């Protein structure tokens, strides 16, 4: 049954392109020394490699858009990396002219020596064929699940993340309200300090006025004392004069 996941479909198509390109390389190596066939197989393999590279880029783009777990994302990254490495190895095989010439010569000559040469030339292709079916094992969480179960697992993980975000939002909101309350309390204290400063200013003004009044009273009190002292002195002198006059 075909998968509903577009990434998996694209990956299967990419593997199919890789197998077809490897088949062209094998046919080029085993098809004899006909130059036309070698060129045709090489051109076909290059077209399929180009399509494979486009598929790899498409897989990378789909992976960025996929809503999957981090572990599954790493697994798919490894699969894309494996495809990219095998595409590069395929390009090296296609660009290896010496290897192509030796394979064509071996196919035309035949015999034991040609068989041995062909066996050596096919080794990288066989290694790639063995490698292209080798996939990175799935994670323990998804290995025993089908696509629907994996989708449900992803939904559950997303729901857990949403719950955690909601809890974080509540904490942030509570902290915000606390901060607003502290700010209002600080504003109240600032207003009280301003009122206290105004009261201190008014009291200082009253004290200065009281000091001026006290100074004025003191100055006036000093003048009265001098007058009293002068008057008493004059009275004493008058009395003394009267007493002296009476004696004489």
Protein backbone atom coordinates (compact mmCIF):
# COMPACT_ATOMS: atom_id res chain seq x y z
CA UNK A 1 0.00 0.00 0.00
CA UNK A 2 1.39 3.41 -1.00
CA UNK A 3 2.34 5.75 1.81
CA UNK A 4 0.42 8.98 2.38
CA UNK A 5 3.62 10.74 3.45
CA UNK A 6 4.95 12.76 0.47
CA UNK A 7 8.49 12.57 1.84
CA UNK A 8 8.45 8.76 1.80
CA UNK A 9 7.07 8.74 -1.75
CA UNK A 10 9.80 11.12 -2.89
CA UNK A 11 12.43 9.02 -1.15
CA UNK A 12 11.20 5.83 -2.86
CA UNK A 13 11.30 7.63 -6.23
CA UNK A 14 14.85 8.80 -5.53
CA UNK A 15 15.97 5.26 -4.70
CA UNK A 16 14.34 4.03 -7.89
CA UNK A 17 16.25 6.64 -9.90
CA UNK A 18 19.48 5.56 -8.23
CA UNK A 19 18.81 1.88 -9.07
CA UNK A 20 18.05 2.78 -12.68
CA UNK A 21 21.22 4.85 -12.98
CA UNK A 22 23.27 2.00 -11.53
CA UNK A 23 21.60 -0.33 -14.03
CA UNK A 24 22.75 1.93 -16.87
CA UNK A 25 26.30 1.86 -15.49
CA UNK A 26 26.19 -1.96 -15.33
CA UNK A 27 24.85 -2.21 -18.88
CA UNK A 28 27.57 0.19 -20.05
CA UNK A 29 30.21 -2.01 -18.42
CA UNK A 30 28.80 -5.32 -19.69
CA UNK A 31 27.43 -4.26 -23.09
CA UNK A 32 30.60 -4.76 -25.13
CA UNK A 33 32.83 -2.23 -26.87
CA UNK A 34 30.18 -0.46 -28.97
CA UNK A 35 30.89 3.23 -28.51
CA UNK A 36 27.34 4.26 -29.35
CA UNK A 37 25.88 2.04 -26.60
CA UNK A 38 28.42 3.27 -24.07
CA UNK A 39 27.62 6.91 -24.87
CA UNK A 40 23.87 6.27 -24.74
CA UNK A 41 24.07 4.47 -21.40
CA UNK A 42 26.32 7.20 -20.01
CA UNK A 43 23.93 9.96 -21.13
CA UNK A 44 20.95 8.09 -19.65
CA UNK A 45 22.77 7.56 -16.37
CA UNK A 46 23.70 11.26 -16.21
CA UNK A 47 20.08 12.31 -16.80
CA UNK A 48 18.93 10.02 -14.03
CA UNK A 49 21.65 11.35 -11.72
CA UNK A 50 20.47 14.89 -12.43
CA UNK A 51 16.89 13.86 -11.61
CA UNK A 52 18.19 12.15 -8.47
CA UNK A 53 19.91 15.36 -7.32
CA UNK A 54 16.67 17.26 -7.87
CA UNK A 55 14.82 14.65 -5.81
CA UNK A 56 17.40 15.00 -3.03
CA UNK A 57 16.87 18.77 -2.96
CA UNK A 58 13.11 18.19 -2.91
CA UNK A 59 13.50 15.74 0.00
CA UNK A 60 15.51 18.33 1.93
CA UNK A 61 12.81 20.96 1.35
CA UNK A 62 10.01 18.59 2.40
CA UNK A 63 11.96 17.68 5.53
CA UNK A 64 12.08 21.35 6.54
CA UNK A 65 8.28 21.57 6.18
CA UNK A 66 7.48 18.21 7.80
CA UNK A 67 5.81 18.16 11.20
CA UNK A 68 7.69 15.21 12.72
CA UNK A 69 9.63 14.36 15.85
CA UNK A 70 13.24 15.42 16.24
CA UNK A 71 14.42 11.80 16.24
CA UNK A 72 12.54 11.04 13.02
CA UNK A 73 13.94 14.22 11.49
CA UNK A 74 17.50 13.07 12.27
CA UNK A 75 16.77 9.65 10.77
CA UNK A 76 15.52 11.24 7.55
CA UNK A 77 18.53 13.56 7.47
CA UNK A 78 20.75 10.47 7.56
CA UNK A 79 18.78 8.90 4.70
CA UNK A 80 19.16 12.06 2.60
CA UNK A 81 22.88 12.14 3.39
CA UNK A 82 23.21 8.52 2.23
CA UNK A 83 21.45 9.30 -1.05
CA UNK A 84 23.65 12.34 -1.61
CA UNK A 85 26.83 10.33 -1.03
CA UNK A 86 25.72 7.60 -3.43
CA UNK A 87 24.84 10.21 -6.05
CA UNK A 88 28.35 11.65 -5.73
CA UNK A 89 29.87 8.16 -6.07
CA UNK A 90 27.73 7.61 -9.17
CA UNK A 91 29.05 10.85 -10.65
CA UNK A 92 32.61 9.70 -9.98
CA UNK A 93 31.92 6.43 -11.80
CA UNK A 94 30.44 8.27 -14.77
CA UNK A 95 33.35 10.69 -14.99
CA UNK A 96 36.02 7.99 -14.72
CA UNK A 97 37.06 7.75 -18.38
CA UNK A 98 39.90 5.33 -17.74
CA UNK A 99 37.52 2.93 -16.08
CA UNK A 100 35.07 3.24 -19.01
CA UNK A 101 37.79 2.52 -21.55
CA UNK A 102 39.07 -0.50 -19.66
CA UNK A 103 35.52 -1.90 -19.43
CA UNK A 104 34.88 -1.41 -23.16
CA UNK A 105 38.18 -3.07 -24.05
CA UNK A 106 37.46 -5.96 -21.72
CA UNK A 107 34.02 -6.47 -23.29
CA UNK A 108 35.44 -6.53 -26.83
CA UNK A 109 38.38 -8.83 -26.05
CA UNK A 110 36.38 -11.36 -23.97
CA UNK A 111 38.23 -14.32 -22.40
CA UNK A 112 39.57 -14.84 -18.96
CA UNK A 113 41.50 -11.57 -18.80
CA UNK A 114 38.42 -9.57 -19.82
CA UNK A 115 36.32 -11.33 -17.20
CA UNK A 116 38.78 -10.46 -14.48
CA UNK A 117 38.89 -6.81 -15.58
CA UNK A 118 35.11 -6.60 -15.69
CA UNK A 119 34.89 -8.10 -12.23
CA UNK A 120 37.21 -5.42 -10.87
CA UNK A 121 35.30 -2.64 -12.64
CA UNK A 122 31.95 -3.77 -11.29
CA UNK A 123 33.06 -3.67 -7.68
CA UNK A 124 32.14 0.01 -6.97
CA UNK A 125 28.75 -0.49 -8.63
CA UNK A 126 27.99 -3.56 -6.55
CA UNK A 127 29.06 -1.70 -3.42
CA UNK A 128 26.67 1.14 -4.29
CA UNK A 129 23.86 -1.28 -5.00
CA UNK A 130 24.40 -2.86 -1.61
CA UNK A 131 24.61 0.55 0.06
CA UNK A 132 21.52 2.07 -1.55
CA UNK A 133 19.21 -0.42 0.11
CA UNK A 134 20.88 0.06 3.46
CA UNK A 135 18.69 2.45 5.47
CA UNK A 136 19.25 3.98 8.85
CA UNK A 137 17.13 2.01 11.37
CA UNK A 138 14.06 3.73 12.73
CA UNK A 139 13.88 4.99 16.26
CA UNK A 140 12.50 2.82 19.04
CA UNK A 141 9.43 5.03 19.27
CA UNK A 142 8.42 4.59 15.63
CA UNK A 143 9.90 1.22 14.61
CA UNK A 144 6.77 -0.78 15.44
CA UNK A 145 4.24 1.83 14.28
CA UNK A 146 2.42 2.28 10.99
CA UNK A 147 1.89 5.66 9.35
CA UNK A 148 -1.36 6.35 11.17
CA UNK A 149 0.18 5.49 14.54
CA UNK A 150 3.19 7.71 13.78
CA UNK A 151 0.82 10.53 12.89
CA UNK A 152 -1.06 10.03 16.16
CA UNK A 153 2.23 9.98 18.06
CA UNK A 154 3.19 13.27 16.45
CA UNK A 155 -0.17 14.75 17.37
CA UNK A 156 0.26 13.63 20.97
CA UNK A 157 3.72 15.18 21.11
CA UNK A 158 2.36 18.40 19.64
CA UNK A 159 -0.46 18.39 22.19
CA UNK A 160 2.07 17.95 25.01
CA UNK A 161 4.07 20.84 23.60
CA UNK A 162 0.93 22.97 23.41
CA UNK A 163 0.11 22.15 27.03
CA UNK A 164 3.61 23.12 28.10
CA UNK A 165 3.35 26.37 26.14
CA UNK A 166 -0.01 27.12 27.79
CA UNK A 167 1.51 26.55 31.22
CA UNK A 168 4.45 28.77 30.29
CA UNK A 169 2.00 31.42 29.07
CA UNK A 170 0.15 31.31 32.40
CA UNK A 171 3.41 31.72 34.31
CA UNK A 172 4.43 34.64 32.11
CA UNK A 173 1.00 36.26 32.57
CA UNK A 174 1.18 35.83 36.34
CA UNK A 175 4.66 37.32 36.38
CA UNK A 176 3.40 40.23 34.29
CA UNK A 177 0.56 40.93 36.74
CA UNK A 178 2.98 40.75 39.65
CA UNK A 179 5.29 43.18 37.89
CA UNK A 180 2.39 45.57 37.26
CA UNK A 181 1.39 45.41 40.95
CA UNK A 182 4.97 46.13 42.01
CA UNK A 183 5.06 49.04 39.57
CA UNK A 184 1.85 50.51 41.00
CA UNK A 185 3.22 50.15 44.53
CA UNK A 186 6.40 51.97 43.52
CA UNK A 187 4.33 54.76 41.94
CA UNK A 188 2.37 55.11 45.20
CA UNK A 189 5.56 55.36 47.23
CA UNK A 190 6.92 57.93 44.80
CA UNK A 191 3.80 60.07 45.21
CA UNK A 192 4.05 59.77 49.01
CA UNK A 193 7.67 60.87 48.90
CA UNK A 194 6.73 63.83 46.71
CA UNK A 195 4.02 64.86 49.22
CA UNK A 196 6.47 64.48 52.10
CA UNK A 197 9.01 66.62 50.27
CA UNK A 198 6.38 69.33 49.71
CA UNK A 199 5.43 69.24 53.40
CA UNK A 200 9.09 69.52 54.41
CA UNK A 201 9.42 72.54 52.14
CA UNK A 202 6.38 74.25 53.68
CA UNK A 203 7.59 73.52 57.22
CA UNK A 204 11.02 74.95 56.40
CA UNK A 205 9.39 78.13 55.13
CA UNK A 206 7.36 78.45 58.35
CA UNK A 207 10.51 77.95 60.43
CA UNK A 208 12.33 80.67 58.51
CA UNK A 209 9.43 83.07 59.07
CA UNK A 210 9.35 82.18 62.79
CA UNK A 211 13.08 82.82 63.06
CA UNK A 212 12.68 86.25 61.48
CA UNK A 213 9.88 87.13 63.88
CA UNK A 214 11.91 85.95 66.88
CA UNK A 215 14.85 88.04 65.76
CA UNK A 216 12.67 91.11 65.43
CA UNK A 217 11.20 90.56 68.89
CA UNK A 218 14.68 90.11 70.35
CA UNK A 219 15.90 93.32 68.74
CA UNK A 220 12.89 95.23 70.07
CA UNK A 221 13.37 93.70 73.53
CA UNK A 222 16.99 94.90 73.59
CA UNK A 223 15.96 98.53 72.89
CA UNK A 224 13.42 98.47 75.75
CA UNK A 225 16.02 97.20 78.18
CA UNK A 226 18.35 100.08 77.31
CA UNK A 227 15.59 102.63 77.84
CA UNK A 228 14.65 101.11 81.20
CA UNK A 229 18.25 101.06 82.31
CA UNK A 230 18.70 104.69 81.26
CA UNK A 231 15.56 105.75 83.07
CA UNK A 232 16.60 103.96 86.27
CA UNK A 233 20.02 105.55 86.10
CA UNK A 234 18.51 108.99 85.80
CA UNK A 235 16.15 108.34 88.73
CA UNK A 236 19.05 107.20 90.90
CA UNK A 237 21.03 110.32 90.00
CA UNK A 238 18.05 112.54 90.82
CA UNK A 239 17.62 110.85 94.18
CA UNK A 240 21.29 111.23 94.97
CA UNK A 241 21.16 114.89 94.09
CA UNK A 242 18.10 115.37 96.29
CA UNK A 243 19.81 113.62 99.21
CA UNK A 244 22.93 115.73 98.81
CA UNK A 245 20.93 118.94 98.65
CA UNK A 246 19.03 118.04 101.83
CA UNK A 247 22.25 117.45 103.76
CA UNK A 248 23.61 120.82 102.82
